[in-house]
């Protein structure tokens, strides 16, 4: 199981692309939580995902291809 944090620094510009990646890897997502961020136009997402490490790394790579995104992954 993996815990993935995603910070979208320019939500209005990048939200659609982020959603496309989340949909693509949706079968791997167990839970998803959007968090309020007091910074204007910034959004935080916490995801609990399950699959092999290779698939999770593919997920990370696709997210990191999007500008203004920070991704951190912790294996639980």
PDB file of N, CA and C in Angstrom:
ATOM      1  N   UNK A   1       0.851  -1.165   0.000  1.00  0.00           N
ATOM      2  CA  UNK A   1       0.000   0.000   0.000  1.00  0.00           C
ATOM      3  C   UNK A   1       0.900   1.232   0.000  1.00  0.00           C
ATOM      4  N   UNK A   2       0.431   2.272  -0.658  1.00  0.00           N
ATOM      5  CA  UNK A   2       1.192   3.508  -0.783  1.00  0.00           C
ATOM      6  C   UNK A   2       0.327   4.692  -0.400  1.00  0.00           C
ATOM      7  N   UNK A   3       0.952   5.670   0.247  1.00  0.00           N
ATOM      8  CA  UNK A   3       0.304   6.939   0.551  1.00  0.00           C
ATOM      9  C   UNK A   3       0.978   7.971  -0.353  1.00  0.00           C
ATOM     10  N   UNK A   4       0.185   8.664  -1.142  1.00  0.00           N
ATOM     11  CA  UNK A   4       0.709   9.610  -2.120  1.00  0.00           C
ATOM     12  C   UNK A   4       0.160  10.988  -1.789  1.00  0.00           C
ATOM     13  N   UNK A   5       1.059  11.960  -1.662  1.00  0.00           N
ATOM     14  CA  UNK A   5       0.612  13.345  -1.477  1.00  0.00           C
ATOM     15  C   UNK A   5       0.897  14.106  -2.767  1.00  0.00           C
ATOM     16  N   UNK A   6      -0.068  14.892  -3.159  1.00  0.00           N
ATOM     17  CA  UNK A   6       0.044  15.693  -4.377  1.00  0.00           C
ATOM     18  C   UNK A   6      -0.276  17.133  -4.004  1.00  0.00           C
ATOM     19  N   UNK A   7       0.613  18.047  -4.357  1.00  0.00           N
ATOM     20  CA  UNK A   7       0.354  19.473  -4.171  1.00  0.00           C
ATOM     21  C   UNK A   7       0.275  20.080  -5.568  1.00  0.00           C
ATOM     22  N   UNK A   8      -0.867  20.673  -5.862  1.00  0.00           N
ATOM     23  CA  UNK A   8      -1.076  21.342  -7.141  1.00  0.00           C
ATOM     24  C   UNK A   8      -0.943  22.835  -6.876  1.00  0.00           C
ATOM     25  N   UNK A   9       0.126  23.438  -7.385  1.00  0.00           N
ATOM     26  CA  UNK A   9       0.406  24.830  -7.067  1.00  0.00           C
ATOM     27  C   UNK A   9      -0.431  25.817  -7.876  1.00  0.00           C
ATOM     28  N   UNK A  10      -0.882  25.426  -9.044  1.00  0.00           N
ATOM     29  CA  UNK A  10      -1.758  26.295  -9.839  1.00  0.00           C
ATOM     30  C   UNK A  10      -2.981  25.489 -10.243  1.00  0.00           C
ATOM     31  N   UNK A  11      -3.878  25.331  -9.280  1.00  0.00           N
ATOM     32  CA  UNK A  11      -5.034  24.461  -9.436  1.00  0.00           C
ATOM     33  C   UNK A  11      -5.866  24.788 -10.662  1.00  0.00           C
ATOM     34  N   UNK A  12      -6.120  26.042 -10.910  1.00  0.00           N
ATOM     35  CA  UNK A  12      -6.994  26.396 -12.032  1.00  0.00           C
ATOM     36  C   UNK A  12      -6.382  26.026 -13.376  1.00  0.00           C
ATOM     37  N   UNK A  13      -5.070  26.005 -13.476  1.00  0.00           N
ATOM     38  CA  UNK A  13      -4.409  25.645 -14.735  1.00  0.00           C
ATOM     39  C   UNK A  13      -4.228  24.141 -14.887  1.00  0.00           C
ATOM     40  N   UNK A  14      -4.021  23.428 -13.789  1.00  0.00           N
ATOM     41  CA  UNK A  14      -3.583  22.039 -13.861  1.00  0.00           C
ATOM     42  C   UNK A  14      -4.627  21.009 -13.427  1.00  0.00           C
ATOM     43  N   UNK A  15      -5.747  21.438 -12.885  1.00  0.00           N
ATOM     44  CA  UNK A  15      -6.716  20.500 -12.306  1.00  0.00           C
ATOM     45  C   UNK A  15      -7.234  19.477 -13.310  1.00  0.00           C
ATOM     46  N   UNK A  16      -7.501  19.888 -14.533  1.00  0.00           N
ATOM     47  CA  UNK A  16      -8.048  18.955 -15.525  1.00  0.00           C
ATOM     48  C   UNK A  16      -7.039  17.859 -15.838  1.00  0.00           C
ATOM     49  N   UNK A  17      -5.801  18.222 -16.035  1.00  0.00           N
ATOM     50  CA  UNK A  17      -4.761  17.227 -16.348  1.00  0.00           C
ATOM     51  C   UNK A  17      -4.544  16.284 -15.167  1.00  0.00           C
ATOM     52  N   UNK A  18      -4.525  16.813 -13.954  1.00  0.00           N
ATOM     53  CA  UNK A  18      -4.382  15.965 -12.769  1.00  0.00           C
ATOM     54  C   UNK A  18      -5.545  14.979 -12.701  1.00  0.00           C
ATOM     55  N   UNK A  19      -6.752  15.448 -12.932  1.00  0.00           N
ATOM     56  CA  UNK A  19      -7.915  14.568 -12.884  1.00  0.00           C
ATOM     57  C   UNK A  19      -7.814  13.465 -13.934  1.00  0.00           C
ATOM     58  N   UNK A  20      -7.285  13.776 -15.117  1.00  0.00           N
ATOM     59  CA  UNK A  20      -7.106  12.762 -16.160  1.00  0.00           C
ATOM     60  C   UNK A  20      -6.174  11.653 -15.687  1.00  0.00           C
ATOM     61  N   UNK A  21      -5.080  12.024 -15.034  1.00  0.00           N
ATOM     62  CA  UNK A  21      -4.133  11.018 -14.534  1.00  0.00           C
ATOM     63  C   UNK A  21      -4.772  10.209 -13.410  1.00  0.00           C
ATOM     64  N   UNK A  22      -5.486  10.877 -12.509  1.00  0.00           N
ATOM     65  CA  UNK A  22      -6.156  10.158 -11.418  1.00  0.00           C
ATOM     66  C   UNK A  22      -7.187   9.176 -11.968  1.00  0.00           C
ATOM     67  N   UNK A  23      -7.885   9.565 -13.009  1.00  0.00           N
ATOM     68  CA  UNK A  23      -8.859   8.663 -13.631  1.00  0.00           C
ATOM     69  C   UNK A  23      -8.162   7.478 -14.282  1.00  0.00           C
ATOM     70  N   UNK A  24      -7.056   7.732 -14.963  1.00  0.00           N
ATOM     71  CA  UNK A  24      -6.302   6.660 -15.625  1.00  0.00           C
ATOM     72  C   UNK A  24      -5.857   5.599 -14.621  1.00  0.00           C
ATOM     73  N   UNK A  25      -5.423   6.026 -13.444  1.00  0.00           N
ATOM     74  CA  UNK A  25      -4.928   5.110 -12.423  1.00  0.00           C
ATOM     75  C   UNK A  25      -5.989   4.833 -11.348  1.00  0.00           C
ATOM     76  N   UNK A  26      -7.245   5.127 -11.654  1.00  0.00           N
ATOM     77  CA  UNK A  26      -8.334   5.009 -10.687  1.00  0.00           C
ATOM     78  C   UNK A  26      -8.501   3.633 -10.090  1.00  0.00           C
ATOM     79  N   UNK A  27      -8.194   2.584 -10.849  1.00  0.00           N
ATOM     80  CA  UNK A  27      -8.329   1.222 -10.302  1.00  0.00           C
ATOM     81  C   UNK A  27      -7.326   0.938  -9.199  1.00  0.00           C
ATOM     82  N   UNK A  28      -6.284   1.747  -9.091  1.00  0.00           N
ATOM     83  CA  UNK A  28      -5.267   1.573  -8.058  1.00  0.00           C
ATOM     84  C   UNK A  28      -5.561   2.394  -6.804  1.00  0.00           C
ATOM     85  N   UNK A  29      -6.517   3.300  -6.888  1.00  0.00           N
ATOM     86  CA  UNK A  29      -6.795   4.217  -5.781  1.00  0.00           C
ATOM     87  C   UNK A  29      -7.828   3.599  -4.845  1.00  0.00           C
ATOM     88  N   UNK A  30      -7.439   3.452  -3.588  1.00  0.00           N
ATOM     89  CA  UNK A  30      -8.335   2.934  -2.564  1.00  0.00           C
ATOM     90  C   UNK A  30      -9.137   4.086  -1.963  1.00  0.00           C
ATOM     91  N   UNK A  31      -8.467   5.196  -1.714  1.00  0.00           N
ATOM     92  CA  UNK A  31      -9.108   6.347  -1.093  1.00  0.00           C
ATOM     93  C   UNK A  31      -8.442   7.623  -1.582  1.00  0.00           C
ATOM     94  N   UNK A  32      -9.225   8.685  -1.647  1.00  0.00           N
ATOM     95  CA  UNK A  32      -8.712   9.980  -2.106  1.00  0.00           C
ATOM     96  C   UNK A  32      -9.319  11.058  -1.234  1.00  0.00           C
ATOM     97  N   UNK A  33      -8.474  11.978  -0.766  1.00  0.00           N
ATOM     98  CA  UNK A  33      -8.931  13.036   0.125  1.00  0.00           C
ATOM     99  C   UNK A  33      -8.363  14.368  -0.351  1.00  0.00           C
ATOM    100  N   UNK A  34      -9.237  15.305  -0.664  1.00  0.00           N
ATOM    101  CA  UNK A  34      -8.800  16.660  -0.994  1.00  0.00           C
ATOM    102  C   UNK A  34      -8.721  17.477   0.282  1.00  0.00           C
ATOM    103  N   UNK A  35      -7.640  18.211   0.455  1.00  0.00           N
ATOM    104  CA  UNK A  35      -7.440  18.989   1.678  1.00  0.00           C
ATOM    105  C   UNK A  35      -7.486  20.482   1.371  1.00  0.00           C
ATOM    106  N   UNK A  36      -8.091  21.229   2.269  1.00  0.00           N
ATOM    107  CA  UNK A  36      -8.117  22.684   2.122  1.00  0.00           C
ATOM    108  C   UNK A  36      -6.710  23.221   2.323  1.00  0.00           C
ATOM    109  N   UNK A  37      -6.288  24.085   1.447  1.00  0.00           N
ATOM    110  CA  UNK A  37      -4.994  24.745   1.569  1.00  0.00           C
ATOM    111  C   UNK A  37      -5.259  26.245   1.623  1.00  0.00           C
ATOM    112  N   UNK A  38      -4.755  26.936   2.635  1.00  0.00           N
ATOM    113  CA  UNK A  38      -5.024  28.367   2.751  1.00  0.00           C
ATOM    114  C   UNK A  38      -4.360  29.205   1.657  1.00  0.00           C
ATOM    115  N   UNK A  39      -3.389  28.641   0.948  1.00  0.00           N
ATOM    116  CA  UNK A  39      -2.762  29.378  -0.145  1.00  0.00           C
ATOM    117  C   UNK A  39      -3.750  29.518  -1.301  1.00  0.00           C
ATOM    118  N   UNK A  40      -3.887  30.708  -1.860  1.00  0.00           N
ATOM    119  CA  UNK A  40      -4.808  30.870  -2.986  1.00  0.00           C
ATOM    120  C   UNK A  40      -4.353  30.035  -4.191  1.00  0.00           C
ATOM    121  N   UNK A  41      -5.293  29.415  -4.839  1.00  0.00           N
ATOM    122  CA  UNK A  41      -5.063  28.643  -6.066  1.00  0.00           C
ATOM    123  C   UNK A  41      -4.158  27.439  -5.857  1.00  0.00           C
ATOM    124  N   UNK A  42      -4.071  26.928  -4.641  1.00  0.00           N
ATOM    125  CA  UNK A  42      -3.278  25.729  -4.379  1.00  0.00           C
ATOM    126  C   UNK A  42      -4.199  24.660  -3.806  1.00  0.00           C
ATOM    127  N   UNK A  43      -3.935  23.416  -4.160  1.00  0.00           N
ATOM    128  CA  UNK A  43      -4.780  22.312  -3.717  1.00  0.00           C
ATOM    129  C   UNK A  43      -3.897  21.154  -3.293  1.00  0.00           C
ATOM    130  N   UNK A  44      -4.282  20.453  -2.250  1.00  0.00           N
ATOM    131  CA  UNK A  44      -3.550  19.288  -1.769  1.00  0.00           C
ATOM    132  C   UNK A  44      -4.461  18.072  -1.843  1.00  0.00           C
ATOM    133  N   UNK A  45      -3.886  16.947  -2.258  1.00  0.00           N
ATOM    134  CA  UNK A  45      -4.628  15.696  -2.349  1.00  0.00           C
ATOM    135  C   UNK A  45      -3.812  14.606  -1.668  1.00  0.00           C
ATOM    136  N   UNK A  46      -4.465  13.792  -0.867  1.00  0.00           N
ATOM    137  CA  UNK A  46      -3.845  12.608  -0.279  1.00  0.00           C
ATOM    138  C   UNK A  46      -4.541  11.403  -0.892  1.00  0.00           C
ATOM    139  N   UNK A  47      -3.748  10.444  -1.369  1.00  0.00           N
ATOM    140  CA  UNK A  47      -4.286   9.241  -1.994  1.00  0.00           C
ATOM    141  C   UNK A  47      -3.697   8.021  -1.305  1.00  0.00           C
ATOM    142  N   UNK A  48      -4.534   7.032  -1.059  1.00  0.00           N
ATOM    143  CA  UNK A  48      -4.074   5.717  -0.634  1.00  0.00           C
ATOM    144  C   UNK A  48      -4.249   4.824  -1.851  1.00  0.00           C
ATOM    145  N   UNK A  49      -3.153   4.206  -2.287  1.00  0.00           N
ATOM    146  CA  UNK A  49      -3.180   3.397  -3.510  1.00  0.00           C
ATOM    147  C   UNK A  49      -2.568   2.034  -3.245  1.00  0.00           C
ATOM    148  N   UNK A  50      -2.971   1.072  -4.074  1.00  0.00           N
ATOM    149  CA  UNK A  50      -2.464  -0.283  -3.940  1.00  0.00           C
ATOM    150  C   UNK A  50      -2.145  -0.837  -5.324  1.00  0.00           C
ATOM    151  N   UNK A  51      -0.947  -1.313  -5.502  1.00  0.00           N
ATOM    152  CA  UNK A  51      -0.511  -2.032  -6.700  1.00  0.00           C
ATOM    153  C   UNK A  51       0.967  -2.305  -6.540  1.00  0.00           C
ATOM    154  N   UNK A  52       1.596  -2.825  -7.594  1.00  0.00           N
ATOM    155  CA  UNK A  52       3.025  -3.081  -7.499  1.00  0.00           C
ATOM    156  C   UNK A  52       3.800  -1.768  -7.627  1.00  0.00           C
ATOM    157  N   UNK A  53       5.031  -1.787  -7.197  1.00  0.00           N
ATOM    158  CA  UNK A  53       5.845  -0.579  -7.163  1.00  0.00           C
ATOM    159  C   UNK A  53       6.013   0.041  -8.549  1.00  0.00           C
ATOM    160  N   UNK A  54       6.117  -0.786  -9.573  1.00  0.00           N
ATOM    161  CA  UNK A  54       6.286  -0.293 -10.935  1.00  0.00           C
ATOM    162  C   UNK A  54       5.087   0.547 -11.374  1.00  0.00           C
ATOM    163  N   UNK A  55       3.889   0.089 -11.086  1.00  0.00           N
ATOM    164  CA  UNK A  55       2.683   0.830 -11.456  1.00  0.00           C
ATOM    165  C   UNK A  55       2.598   2.145 -10.696  1.00  0.00           C
ATOM    166  N   UNK A  56       2.939   2.114  -9.429  1.00  0.00           N
ATOM    167  CA  UNK A  56       2.910   3.335  -8.620  1.00  0.00           C
ATOM    168  C   UNK A  56       3.949   4.330  -9.139  1.00  0.00           C
ATOM    169  N   UNK A  57       5.101   3.853  -9.557  1.00  0.00           N
ATOM    170  CA  UNK A  57       6.114   4.748 -10.142  1.00  0.00           C
ATOM    171  C   UNK A  57       5.629   5.346 -11.460  1.00  0.00           C
ATOM    172  N   UNK A  58       4.909   4.563 -12.257  1.00  0.00           N
ATOM    173  CA  UNK A  58       4.315   5.101 -13.490  1.00  0.00           C
ATOM    174  C   UNK A  58       3.318   6.205 -13.154  1.00  0.00           C
ATOM    175  N   UNK A  59       2.528   5.977 -12.119  1.00  0.00           N
ATOM    176  CA  UNK A  59       1.566   6.964 -11.639  1.00  0.00           C
ATOM    177  C   UNK A  59       2.297   8.254 -11.265  1.00  0.00           C
ATOM    178  N   UNK A  60       3.370   8.114 -10.491  1.00  0.00           N
ATOM    179  CA  UNK A  60       4.169   9.271 -10.079  1.00  0.00           C
ATOM    180  C   UNK A  60       4.728  10.015 -11.288  1.00  0.00           C
ATOM    181  N   UNK A  61       5.305   9.287 -12.228  1.00  0.00           N
ATOM    182  CA  UNK A  61       5.915   9.918 -13.410  1.00  0.00           C
ATOM    183  C   UNK A  61       4.902  10.731 -14.199  1.00  0.00           C
ATOM    184  N   UNK A  62       3.705  10.178 -14.374  1.00  0.00           N
ATOM    185  CA  UNK A  62       2.685  10.916 -15.127  1.00  0.00           C
ATOM    186  C   UNK A  62       2.258  12.176 -14.390  1.00  0.00           C
ATOM    187  N   UNK A  63       2.141  12.093 -13.075  1.00  0.00           N
ATOM    188  CA  UNK A  63       1.801  13.293 -12.306  1.00  0.00           C
ATOM    189  C   UNK A  63       2.911  14.330 -12.389  1.00  0.00           C
ATOM    190  N   UNK A  64       4.157  13.889 -12.287  1.00  0.00           N
ATOM    191  CA  UNK A  64       5.279  14.827 -12.290  1.00  0.00           C
ATOM    192  C   UNK A  64       5.522  15.467 -13.656  1.00  0.00           C
ATOM    193  N   UNK A  65       4.942  14.910 -14.714  1.00  0.00           N
ATOM    194  CA  UNK A  65       5.040  15.538 -16.034  1.00  0.00           C
ATOM    195  C   UNK A  65       4.201  16.813 -16.112  1.00  0.00           C
ATOM    196  N   UNK A  66       3.271  16.960 -15.183  1.00  0.00           N
ATOM    197  CA  UNK A  66       2.408  18.145 -15.145  1.00  0.00           C
ATOM    198  C   UNK A  66       3.171  19.264 -14.440  1.00  0.00           C
ATOM    199  N   UNK A  67       3.135  20.447 -15.014  1.00  0.00           N
ATOM    200  CA  UNK A  67       3.809  21.586 -14.399  1.00  0.00           C
ATOM    201  C   UNK A  67       3.137  21.947 -13.079  1.00  0.00           C
ATOM    202  N   UNK A  68       3.914  22.495 -12.180  1.00  0.00           N
ATOM    203  CA  UNK A  68       3.419  23.016 -10.902  1.00  0.00           C
ATOM    204  C   UNK A  68       2.814  21.946  -9.996  1.00  0.00           C
ATOM    205  N   UNK A  69       3.388  20.729 -10.059  1.00  0.00           N
ATOM    206  CA  UNK A  69       2.921  19.617  -9.235  1.00  0.00           C
ATOM    207  C   UNK A  69       4.093  19.105  -8.397  1.00  0.00           C
ATOM    208  N   UNK A  70       3.826  18.838  -7.122  1.00  0.00           N
ATOM    209  CA  UNK A  70       4.806  18.142  -6.271  1.00  0.00           C
ATOM    210  C   UNK A  70       4.170  16.850  -5.807  1.00  0.00           C
ATOM    211  N   UNK A  71       4.925  15.761  -5.908  1.00  0.00           N
ATOM    212  CA  UNK A  71       4.410  14.436  -5.536  1.00  0.00           C
ATOM    213  C   UNK A  71       5.376  13.795  -4.561  1.00  0.00           C
ATOM    214  N   UNK A  72       4.845  13.215  -3.492  1.00  0.00           N
ATOM    215  CA  UNK A  72       5.627  12.425  -2.543  1.00  0.00           C
ATOM    216  C   UNK A  72       4.912  11.105  -2.331  1.00  0.00           C
ATOM    217  N   UNK A  73       5.707  10.036  -2.242  1.00  0.00           N
ATOM    218  CA  UNK A  73       5.122   8.706  -2.041  1.00  0.00           C
ATOM    219  C   UNK A  73       5.786   8.043  -0.843  1.00  0.00           C
ATOM    220  N   UNK A  74       4.950   7.441  -0.010  1.00  0.00           N
ATOM    221  CA  UNK A  74       5.440   6.676   1.125  1.00  0.00           C
ATOM    222  C   UNK A  74       4.857   5.269   1.016  1.00  0.00           C
ATOM    223  N   UNK A  75       5.696   4.269   1.151  1.00  0.00           N
ATOM    224  CA  UNK A  75       5.220   2.886   1.142  1.00  0.00           C
ATOM    225  C   UNK A  75       4.818   2.519   2.560  1.00  0.00           C
ATOM    226  N   UNK A  76       3.605   2.016   2.719  1.00  0.00           N
ATOM    227  CA  UNK A  76       3.116   1.663   4.050  1.00  0.00           C
ATOM    228  C   UNK A  76       3.140   0.167   4.242  1.00  0.00           C
TER     229      UNK A  76
END
